[in-house]
């Protein structure tokens, strides 16, 4: 078994030590402590956190796409 888990909130893998399993109406899911703490803050801070996570995810996706496109050459 791996030492990481997928955070359904921010969409990345984290070490399990940085994760908590929470119960949702869809079942139990892993969520990183950082995202849990972010929900306890004000709306502006939550929005800023979401935008940072989105920017990170977008950069990773673009990097992977470039690697795939360059591998074909």
N, C-alpha and C. Protein backbone atom coordinates (compact mmCIF):
# COMPACT_ATOMS: atom_id res chain seq x y z
N UNK A 1 0.84 -1.19 0.00
CA UNK A 1 0.00 0.00 0.00
C UNK A 1 0.89 1.24 0.00
N UNK A 2 0.47 2.28 -0.69
CA UNK A 2 1.28 3.49 -0.80
C UNK A 2 1.14 4.35 0.46
N UNK A 3 2.11 5.25 0.61
CA UNK A 3 2.09 6.16 1.75
C UNK A 3 1.44 7.49 1.40
N UNK A 4 0.80 7.55 0.24
CA UNK A 4 0.11 8.77 -0.16
C UNK A 4 -1.36 8.48 -0.40
N UNK A 5 -2.14 9.55 -0.36
CA UNK A 5 -3.57 9.44 -0.65
C UNK A 5 -3.97 10.63 -1.51
N UNK A 6 -4.99 10.44 -2.30
CA UNK A 6 -5.48 11.48 -3.20
C UNK A 6 -6.46 12.37 -2.45
N UNK A 7 -6.20 13.67 -2.47
CA UNK A 7 -7.11 14.63 -1.84
C UNK A 7 -8.17 15.02 -2.87
N UNK A 8 -9.41 14.66 -2.60
CA UNK A 8 -10.47 14.96 -3.56
C UNK A 8 -10.74 16.46 -3.64
N UNK A 9 -10.32 17.22 -2.64
CA UNK A 9 -10.58 18.66 -2.63
C UNK A 9 -9.62 19.42 -3.53
N UNK A 10 -8.31 19.17 -3.36
CA UNK A 10 -7.34 19.93 -4.17
C UNK A 10 -6.82 19.13 -5.35
N UNK A 11 -7.15 17.85 -5.43
CA UNK A 11 -6.84 17.07 -6.62
C UNK A 11 -5.41 16.61 -6.75
N UNK A 12 -4.68 16.49 -5.64
CA UNK A 12 -3.30 16.02 -5.69
C UNK A 12 -3.08 14.94 -4.64
N UNK A 13 -1.97 14.24 -4.76
CA UNK A 13 -1.60 13.24 -3.78
C UNK A 13 -0.74 13.87 -2.70
N UNK A 14 -0.99 13.50 -1.46
CA UNK A 14 -0.23 13.98 -0.30
C UNK A 14 0.16 12.78 0.55
N UNK A 15 1.21 12.92 1.37
CA UNK A 15 1.52 11.86 2.34
C UNK A 15 0.32 11.66 3.28
N UNK A 16 0.05 10.43 3.66
CA UNK A 16 -1.11 10.16 4.51
C UNK A 16 -1.03 10.87 5.86
N UNK A 17 0.19 11.21 6.30
CA UNK A 17 0.34 11.95 7.55
C UNK A 17 -0.27 13.34 7.45
N UNK A 18 -0.40 13.86 6.23
CA UNK A 18 -0.98 15.19 6.01
C UNK A 18 -2.45 15.12 5.62
N UNK A 19 -3.06 13.95 5.77
CA UNK A 19 -4.43 13.73 5.31
C UNK A 19 -5.33 13.31 6.46
N UNK A 20 -6.63 13.54 6.27
CA UNK A 20 -7.65 13.04 7.18
C UNK A 20 -8.74 12.43 6.32
N UNK A 21 -9.32 11.34 6.83
CA UNK A 21 -10.42 10.71 6.11
C UNK A 21 -11.72 11.29 6.67
N UNK A 22 -12.53 11.85 5.80
CA UNK A 22 -13.78 12.46 6.23
C UNK A 22 -14.94 11.73 5.57
N UNK A 23 -16.09 11.82 6.21
CA UNK A 23 -17.29 11.17 5.69
C UNK A 23 -18.12 12.19 4.92
N UNK A 24 -18.45 11.85 3.69
CA UNK A 24 -19.32 12.68 2.87
C UNK A 24 -20.56 11.86 2.54
N UNK A 25 -21.53 12.48 1.90
CA UNK A 25 -22.73 11.72 1.54
C UNK A 25 -22.42 10.65 0.50
N UNK A 26 -21.28 10.77 -0.18
CA UNK A 26 -20.87 9.76 -1.16
C UNK A 26 -20.00 8.67 -0.57
N UNK A 27 -19.66 8.79 0.71
CA UNK A 27 -18.80 7.81 1.37
C UNK A 27 -17.61 8.50 2.02
N UNK A 28 -16.62 7.71 2.43
CA UNK A 28 -15.43 8.26 3.06
C UNK A 28 -14.43 8.68 2.00
N UNK A 29 -13.82 9.85 2.21
CA UNK A 29 -12.82 10.37 1.27
C UNK A 29 -11.67 10.97 2.04
N UNK A 30 -10.51 10.98 1.38
CA UNK A 30 -9.33 11.60 1.96
C UNK A 30 -9.30 13.08 1.60
N UNK A 31 -8.87 13.89 2.57
CA UNK A 31 -8.75 15.33 2.35
C UNK A 31 -7.53 15.83 3.12
N UNK A 32 -6.75 16.70 2.50
CA UNK A 32 -5.53 17.19 3.15
C UNK A 32 -5.88 18.18 4.26
N UNK A 33 -5.04 18.21 5.28
CA UNK A 33 -5.26 19.09 6.43
C UNK A 33 -5.29 20.55 5.98
N UNK A 34 -4.44 20.89 5.00
CA UNK A 34 -4.38 22.26 4.50
C UNK A 34 -5.75 22.71 3.97
N UNK A 35 -6.42 21.85 3.23
CA UNK A 35 -7.72 22.22 2.67
C UNK A 35 -8.80 22.27 3.75
N UNK A 36 -8.68 21.41 4.75
CA UNK A 36 -9.64 21.43 5.86
C UNK A 36 -9.51 22.74 6.64
N UNK A 37 -8.27 23.13 6.93
CA UNK A 37 -8.03 24.39 7.64
C UNK A 37 -8.48 25.59 6.81
N UNK A 38 -8.32 25.51 5.51
CA UNK A 38 -8.70 26.62 4.63
C UNK A 38 -10.21 26.88 4.68
N UNK A 39 -11.01 25.85 4.91
CA UNK A 39 -12.46 26.04 4.96
C UNK A 39 -12.90 26.77 6.21
N UNK A 40 -12.04 26.83 7.21
CA UNK A 40 -12.39 27.50 8.47
C UNK A 40 -12.12 29.00 8.41
N UNK A 41 -11.55 29.47 7.33
CA UNK A 41 -11.22 30.88 7.18
C UNK A 41 -12.34 31.63 6.47
N UNK A 42 -12.14 32.91 6.26
CA UNK A 42 -13.14 33.74 5.60
C UNK A 42 -13.26 33.43 4.12
N UNK A 43 -14.30 33.96 3.51
CA UNK A 43 -14.57 33.70 2.09
C UNK A 43 -13.43 34.14 1.19
N UNK A 44 -12.87 35.32 1.45
CA UNK A 44 -11.79 35.83 0.60
C UNK A 44 -10.57 34.92 0.67
N UNK A 45 -10.24 34.44 1.87
CA UNK A 45 -9.09 33.54 2.01
C UNK A 45 -9.36 32.20 1.35
N UNK A 46 -10.59 31.70 1.47
CA UNK A 46 -10.94 30.43 0.82
C UNK A 46 -10.85 30.56 -0.69
N UNK A 47 -11.34 31.66 -1.22
CA UNK A 47 -11.25 31.88 -2.66
C UNK A 47 -9.80 31.96 -3.13
N UNK A 48 -8.97 32.64 -2.35
CA UNK A 48 -7.55 32.75 -2.70
C UNK A 48 -6.89 31.38 -2.67
N UNK A 49 -7.22 30.56 -1.68
CA UNK A 49 -6.68 29.20 -1.59
C UNK A 49 -7.11 28.40 -2.82
N UNK A 50 -8.38 28.48 -3.18
CA UNK A 50 -8.88 27.75 -4.34
C UNK A 50 -8.21 28.19 -5.63
N UNK A 51 -7.97 29.48 -5.77
CA UNK A 51 -7.29 29.97 -6.97
C UNK A 51 -5.85 29.49 -7.02
N UNK A 52 -5.16 29.45 -5.86
CA UNK A 52 -3.79 28.94 -5.84
C UNK A 52 -3.75 27.47 -6.23
N UNK A 53 -4.66 26.68 -5.68
CA UNK A 53 -4.71 25.25 -6.01
C UNK A 53 -5.02 25.06 -7.49
N UNK A 54 -5.96 25.84 -8.01
CA UNK A 54 -6.29 25.75 -9.44
C UNK A 54 -5.10 26.10 -10.32
N UNK A 55 -4.35 27.12 -9.93
CA UNK A 55 -3.17 27.51 -10.70
C UNK A 55 -2.12 26.41 -10.68
N UNK A 56 -1.92 25.79 -9.52
CA UNK A 56 -0.96 24.69 -9.42
C UNK A 56 -1.39 23.53 -10.30
N UNK A 57 -2.67 23.15 -10.21
CA UNK A 57 -3.18 22.04 -11.01
C UNK A 57 -3.08 22.33 -12.51
N UNK A 58 -3.36 23.57 -12.90
CA UNK A 58 -3.27 23.95 -14.31
C UNK A 58 -1.83 23.86 -14.80
N UNK A 59 -0.89 24.34 -13.98
CA UNK A 59 0.53 24.29 -14.36
C UNK A 59 1.00 22.85 -14.50
N UNK A 60 0.57 21.97 -13.59
CA UNK A 60 0.94 20.56 -13.67
C UNK A 60 0.37 19.92 -14.93
N UNK A 61 -0.88 20.22 -15.25
CA UNK A 61 -1.52 19.65 -16.44
C UNK A 61 -0.83 20.12 -17.71
N UNK A 62 -0.46 21.40 -17.75
CA UNK A 62 0.24 21.93 -18.92
C UNK A 62 1.61 21.30 -19.07
N UNK A 63 2.28 21.08 -17.95
CA UNK A 63 3.60 20.45 -17.98
C UNK A 63 3.51 19.02 -18.51
N UNK A 64 2.51 18.28 -18.03
CA UNK A 64 2.31 16.91 -18.50
C UNK A 64 1.98 16.89 -19.99
N UNK A 65 1.16 17.83 -20.43
CA UNK A 65 0.79 17.90 -21.85
C UNK A 65 2.02 18.18 -22.70
N UNK A 66 2.89 19.09 -22.24
CA UNK A 66 4.12 19.39 -22.99
C UNK A 66 5.01 18.15 -23.06
N UNK A 67 5.11 17.41 -21.97
CA UNK A 67 5.94 16.20 -21.97
C UNK A 67 5.41 15.18 -22.97
N UNK A 68 4.10 15.02 -23.01
CA UNK A 68 3.49 14.06 -23.93
C UNK A 68 3.70 14.49 -25.37
N UNK A 69 3.49 15.78 -25.64
CA UNK A 69 3.67 16.28 -27.00
C UNK A 69 5.12 16.19 -27.45
N UNK A 70 6.05 16.47 -26.55
CA UNK A 70 7.47 16.40 -26.89
C UNK A 70 7.97 14.97 -27.01
N UNK A 71 7.31 14.03 -26.36
CA UNK A 71 7.71 12.63 -26.45
C UNK A 71 7.43 12.07 -27.85
N UNK A 72 6.45 12.63 -28.52
CA UNK A 72 6.09 12.17 -29.86
C UNK A 72 7.08 12.62 -30.92
N UNK A 73 7.91 13.58 -30.60
CA UNK A 73 8.85 14.13 -31.59
C UNK A 73 10.07 13.29 -31.71
